[in-house]
Amino acid sequence: MLAEIIYKLMLYGFLMVLFAGSYALMYSFGRSSSSSFLVKLSYIFAFLEFLAGFGMVSMDYLHTFWKVIILFSSVAYLFIPPLMWKVVVLFHKRHG
């Protein structure tokens, strides 16, 4: 039983990282190429990243402390690619 729980946690963790990276890549590719399709596609990956994080949080095996950290990370990462894009654009305007 414990092996199954650990397997699910590892799978959710892997998917969370995979979808978060896909979200960031698709968002940055979409913004740099002015492709609204890629930006919209990136939001699907963001949603999947959140679902993977929620899957980890919904398991009873983790302590509340870790559940809060994972949930915070899942929500915070939804905002990171757009905010970092703004930082990069601002940086290039100032120093470009």
N, C-alpha and C. Protein backbone atom coordinates (compact mmCIF):
# COMPACT_ATOMS: atom_id res chain seq x y z
N MET A 1 0.82 -1.19 0.00
CA MET A 1 0.00 0.00 0.00
C MET A 1 0.86 1.26 0.00
N LEU A 2 1.92 1.26 0.81
CA LEU A 2 2.79 2.43 0.87
C LEU A 2 3.49 2.65 -0.48
N ALA A 3 3.87 1.57 -1.13
CA ALA A 3 4.53 1.70 -2.43
C ALA A 3 3.60 2.36 -3.44
N GLU A 4 2.32 2.04 -3.39
CA GLU A 4 1.35 2.65 -4.31
C GLU A 4 1.21 4.14 -4.04
N ILE A 5 1.20 4.52 -2.78
CA ILE A 5 1.09 5.94 -2.42
C ILE A 5 2.32 6.70 -2.90
N ILE A 6 3.50 6.13 -2.65
CA ILE A 6 4.73 6.78 -3.08
C ILE A 6 4.79 6.88 -4.60
N TYR A 7 4.33 5.83 -5.29
CA TYR A 7 4.28 5.86 -6.76
C TYR A 7 3.39 7.01 -7.23
N LYS A 8 2.22 7.16 -6.63
CA LYS A 8 1.31 8.23 -7.04
C LYS A 8 1.90 9.61 -6.75
N LEU A 9 2.54 9.76 -5.59
CA LEU A 9 3.17 11.04 -5.27
C LEU A 9 4.27 11.38 -6.27
N MET A 10 5.07 10.39 -6.62
CA MET A 10 6.14 10.62 -7.60
C MET A 10 5.56 10.96 -8.97
N LEU A 11 4.50 10.28 -9.35
CA LEU A 11 3.87 10.55 -10.64
C LEU A 11 3.29 11.95 -10.67
N TYR A 12 2.56 12.33 -9.62
CA TYR A 12 2.01 13.68 -9.56
C TYR A 12 3.12 14.73 -9.56
N GLY A 13 4.20 14.46 -8.83
CA GLY A 13 5.31 15.40 -8.80
C GLY A 13 5.97 15.55 -10.17
N PHE A 14 6.17 14.43 -10.84
CA PHE A 14 6.74 14.46 -12.19
C PHE A 14 5.84 15.24 -13.14
N LEU A 15 4.54 14.96 -13.09
CA LEU A 15 3.60 15.65 -13.98
C LEU A 15 3.54 17.14 -13.67
N MET A 16 3.62 17.48 -12.39
CA MET A 16 3.58 18.90 -12.01
C MET A 16 4.77 19.64 -12.63
N VAL A 17 5.95 19.07 -12.52
CA VAL A 17 7.14 19.70 -13.08
C VAL A 17 7.09 19.72 -14.60
N LEU A 18 6.65 18.62 -15.21
CA LEU A 18 6.55 18.55 -16.66
C LEU A 18 5.58 19.60 -17.21
N PHE A 19 4.41 19.69 -16.59
CA PHE A 19 3.41 20.65 -17.07
C PHE A 19 3.83 22.09 -16.77
N ALA A 20 4.51 22.31 -15.65
CA ALA A 20 4.98 23.67 -15.34
C ALA A 20 6.01 24.11 -16.37
N GLY A 21 6.93 23.23 -16.72
CA GLY A 21 7.91 23.56 -17.74
C GLY A 21 7.28 23.77 -19.10
N SER A 22 6.30 22.95 -19.43
CA SER A 22 5.60 23.11 -20.71
C SER A 22 4.83 24.42 -20.74
N TYR A 23 4.24 24.79 -19.62
CA TYR A 23 3.54 26.07 -19.52
C TYR A 23 4.50 27.22 -19.79
N ALA A 24 5.65 27.20 -19.13
CA ALA A 24 6.62 28.28 -19.31
C ALA A 24 7.14 28.34 -20.74
N LEU A 25 7.45 27.19 -21.32
CA LEU A 25 7.95 27.17 -22.70
C LEU A 25 6.91 27.66 -23.70
N MET A 26 5.71 27.13 -23.60
CA MET A 26 4.66 27.54 -24.55
C MET A 26 4.31 29.01 -24.39
N TYR A 27 4.30 29.49 -23.14
CA TYR A 27 3.98 30.89 -22.90
C TYR A 27 5.06 31.79 -23.51
N SER A 28 6.32 31.45 -23.26
CA SER A 28 7.39 32.30 -23.78
C SER A 28 7.48 32.21 -25.31
N PHE A 29 7.31 31.02 -25.87
CA PHE A 29 7.28 30.89 -27.34
C PHE A 29 6.12 31.67 -27.93
N GLY A 30 4.97 31.58 -27.29
CA GLY A 30 3.79 32.29 -27.78
C GLY A 30 3.96 33.79 -27.73
N ARG A 31 4.51 34.28 -26.64
CA ARG A 31 4.70 35.73 -26.52
C ARG A 31 5.78 36.23 -27.47
N SER A 32 6.87 35.48 -27.61
CA SER A 32 7.96 35.95 -28.47
C SER A 32 7.60 35.88 -29.95
N SER A 33 6.70 34.97 -30.31
CA SER A 33 6.29 34.87 -31.72
C SER A 33 4.93 35.51 -31.97
N SER A 34 4.38 36.17 -30.96
CA SER A 34 3.05 36.81 -31.05
C SER A 34 1.98 35.82 -31.51
N SER A 35 2.05 34.61 -30.99
CA SER A 35 1.09 33.56 -31.34
C SER A 35 0.09 33.39 -30.20
N SER A 36 -1.12 33.86 -30.40
CA SER A 36 -2.13 33.71 -29.36
C SER A 36 -2.49 32.24 -29.16
N PHE A 37 -2.32 31.43 -30.21
CA PHE A 37 -2.59 29.99 -30.07
C PHE A 37 -1.66 29.36 -29.04
N LEU A 38 -0.36 29.66 -29.12
CA LEU A 38 0.60 29.08 -28.17
C LEU A 38 0.38 29.60 -26.76
N VAL A 39 0.00 30.86 -26.64
CA VAL A 39 -0.28 31.41 -25.31
C VAL A 39 -1.49 30.69 -24.71
N LYS A 40 -2.53 30.50 -25.52
CA LYS A 40 -3.72 29.78 -25.03
C LYS A 40 -3.38 28.33 -24.71
N LEU A 41 -2.54 27.71 -25.53
CA LEU A 41 -2.10 26.35 -25.26
C LEU A 41 -1.33 26.29 -23.94
N SER A 42 -0.56 27.32 -23.65
CA SER A 42 0.20 27.34 -22.40
C SER A 42 -0.73 27.34 -21.19
N TYR A 43 -1.89 27.97 -21.31
CA TYR A 43 -2.84 28.00 -20.20
C TYR A 43 -3.41 26.61 -19.91
N ILE A 44 -3.49 25.77 -20.93
CA ILE A 44 -3.91 24.38 -20.70
C ILE A 44 -2.87 23.66 -19.86
N PHE A 45 -1.58 23.88 -20.18
CA PHE A 45 -0.52 23.28 -19.38
C PHE A 45 -0.52 23.83 -17.96
N ALA A 46 -0.84 25.11 -17.80
CA ALA A 46 -0.91 25.69 -16.46
C ALA A 46 -2.01 25.02 -15.66
N PHE A 47 -3.15 24.78 -16.29
CA PHE A 47 -4.25 24.10 -15.61
C PHE A 47 -3.86 22.68 -15.23
N LEU A 48 -3.18 21.98 -16.14
CA LEU A 48 -2.74 20.61 -15.85
C LEU A 48 -1.71 20.60 -14.72
N GLU A 49 -0.85 21.60 -14.69
CA GLU A 49 0.13 21.72 -13.59
C GLU A 49 -0.59 21.89 -12.26
N PHE A 50 -1.61 22.73 -12.25
CA PHE A 50 -2.38 22.94 -11.02
C PHE A 50 -3.09 21.64 -10.61
N LEU A 51 -3.65 20.92 -11.57
CA LEU A 51 -4.32 19.66 -11.24
C LEU A 51 -3.35 18.63 -10.67
N ALA A 52 -2.14 18.57 -11.21
CA ALA A 52 -1.14 17.64 -10.68
C ALA A 52 -0.77 18.01 -9.25
N GLY A 53 -0.61 19.30 -8.99
CA GLY A 53 -0.35 19.75 -7.62
C GLY A 53 -1.50 19.44 -6.70
N PHE A 54 -2.71 19.64 -7.19
CA PHE A 54 -3.90 19.34 -6.39
C PHE A 54 -3.99 17.84 -6.12
N GLY A 55 -3.57 17.03 -7.08
CA GLY A 55 -3.55 15.59 -6.86
C GLY A 55 -2.62 15.21 -5.72
N MET A 56 -1.48 15.87 -5.63
CA MET A 56 -0.56 15.60 -4.53
C MET A 56 -1.16 16.04 -3.21
N VAL A 57 -1.80 17.20 -3.21
CA VAL A 57 -2.38 17.76 -1.98
C VAL A 57 -3.55 16.91 -1.49
N SER A 58 -4.27 16.31 -2.41
CA SER A 58 -5.46 15.54 -2.02
C SER A 58 -5.13 14.19 -1.38
N MET A 59 -3.88 13.78 -1.43
CA MET A 59 -3.50 12.50 -0.82
C MET A 59 -3.32 12.68 0.68
N ASP A 60 -3.76 11.70 1.43
CA ASP A 60 -3.71 11.78 2.89
C ASP A 60 -2.33 11.52 3.47
N TYR A 61 -1.41 11.04 2.68
CA TYR A 61 -0.10 10.64 3.19
C TYR A 61 0.75 11.82 3.63
N LEU A 62 0.62 12.95 2.95
CA LEU A 62 1.46 14.11 3.24
C LEU A 62 0.97 14.87 4.47
N HIS A 63 1.92 15.40 5.21
CA HIS A 63 1.61 16.26 6.36
C HIS A 63 1.06 17.59 5.85
N THR A 64 0.28 18.25 6.67
CA THR A 64 -0.34 19.52 6.29
C THR A 64 0.68 20.55 5.84
N PHE A 65 1.84 20.58 6.49
CA PHE A 65 2.89 21.52 6.11
C PHE A 65 3.26 21.37 4.63
N TRP A 66 3.46 20.13 4.18
CA TRP A 66 3.83 19.89 2.79
C TRP A 66 2.68 20.16 1.84
N LYS A 67 1.48 19.89 2.29
CA LYS A 67 0.31 20.19 1.46
C LYS A 67 0.19 21.69 1.20
N VAL A 68 0.45 22.49 2.23
CA VAL A 68 0.38 23.95 2.07
C VAL A 68 1.47 24.43 1.12
N ILE A 69 2.67 23.90 1.26
CA ILE A 69 3.78 24.30 0.38
C ILE A 69 3.48 23.92 -1.07
N ILE A 70 2.98 22.72 -1.29
CA ILE A 70 2.68 22.28 -2.66
C ILE A 70 1.54 23.10 -3.25
N LEU A 71 0.51 23.36 -2.46
CA LEU A 71 -0.61 24.16 -2.96
C LEU A 71 -0.17 25.58 -3.27
N PHE A 72 0.64 26.16 -2.38
CA PHE A 72 1.17 27.51 -2.63
C PHE A 72 2.01 27.53 -3.91
N SER A 73 2.85 26.51 -4.08
CA SER A 73 3.69 26.44 -5.29
C SER A 73 2.85 26.31 -6.55
N SER A 74 1.81 25.49 -6.48
CA SER A 74 0.95 25.29 -7.64
C SER A 74 0.25 26.59 -8.05
N VAL A 75 -0.21 27.32 -7.07
CA VAL A 75 -0.90 28.59 -7.36
C VAL A 75 0.10 29.65 -7.79
N ALA A 76 1.23 29.74 -7.09
CA ALA A 76 2.21 30.77 -7.41
C ALA A 76 2.77 30.60 -8.81
N TYR A 77 2.96 29.36 -9.23
CA TYR A 77 3.56 29.14 -10.55
C TYR A 77 2.63 29.55 -11.69
N LEU A 78 1.36 29.68 -11.41
CA LEU A 78 0.44 30.15 -12.44
C LEU A 78 0.78 31.58 -12.87
N PHE A 79 1.39 32.34 -11.96
CA PHE A 79 1.69 33.75 -12.22
C PHE A 79 3.13 34.01 -12.65
N ILE A 80 4.00 33.04 -12.49
CA ILE A 80 5.43 33.28 -12.74
C ILE A 80 5.75 33.56 -14.21
N PRO A 81 5.33 32.74 -15.18
CA PRO A 81 5.69 33.05 -16.57
C PRO A 81 5.22 34.43 -17.06
N PRO A 82 3.96 34.84 -16.81
CA PRO A 82 3.58 36.19 -17.26
C PRO A 82 4.36 37.30 -16.56
N LEU A 83 4.62 37.14 -15.27
CA LEU A 83 5.39 38.17 -14.55
C LEU A 83 6.83 38.22 -15.03
N MET A 84 7.43 37.07 -15.25
CA MET A 84 8.81 37.05 -15.74
C MET A 84 8.90 37.61 -17.15
N TRP A 85 7.86 37.39 -17.97
CA TRP A 85 7.86 37.97 -19.31
C TRP A 85 7.88 39.49 -19.21
N LYS A 86 7.09 40.04 -18.30
CA LYS A 86 7.07 41.50 -18.12
C LYS A 86 8.42 42.02 -17.65
N VAL A 87 9.07 41.28 -16.76
CA VAL A 87 10.39 41.68 -16.27
C VAL A 87 11.40 41.68 -17.41
N VAL A 88 11.39 40.64 -18.23
CA VAL A 88 12.33 40.55 -19.35
C VAL A 88 12.09 41.67 -20.35
N VAL A 89 10.84 41.94 -20.68
CA VAL A 89 10.52 43.02 -21.62
C VAL A 89 10.97 44.36 -21.06
N LEU A 90 10.70 44.60 -19.79
CA LEU A 90 11.12 45.86 -19.16
C LEU A 90 12.64 45.98 -19.13
N PHE A 91 13.31 44.88 -18.83
CA PHE A 91 14.77 44.88 -18.80
C PHE A 91 15.33 45.23 -20.18
N HIS A 92 14.77 44.65 -21.22
CA HIS A 92 15.27 44.92 -22.57
C HIS A 92 14.95 46.34 -23.03
N LYS A 93 13.87 46.91 -22.56
CA LYS A 93 13.56 48.30 -22.90
C LYS A 93 14.56 49.24 -22.25
N ARG A 94 14.94 48.93 -21.01
CA ARG A 94 15.88 49.79 -20.29
C ARG A 94 17.31 49.64 -20.80
N HIS A 95 17.69 48.42 -21.12
CA HIS A 95 19.09 48.14 -21.45
C HIS A 95 19.30 47.70 -22.89
N GLY A 96 18.25 47.77 -23.70
CA GLY A 96 18.35 47.26 -25.06
C GLY A 96 18.78 48.28 -26.02
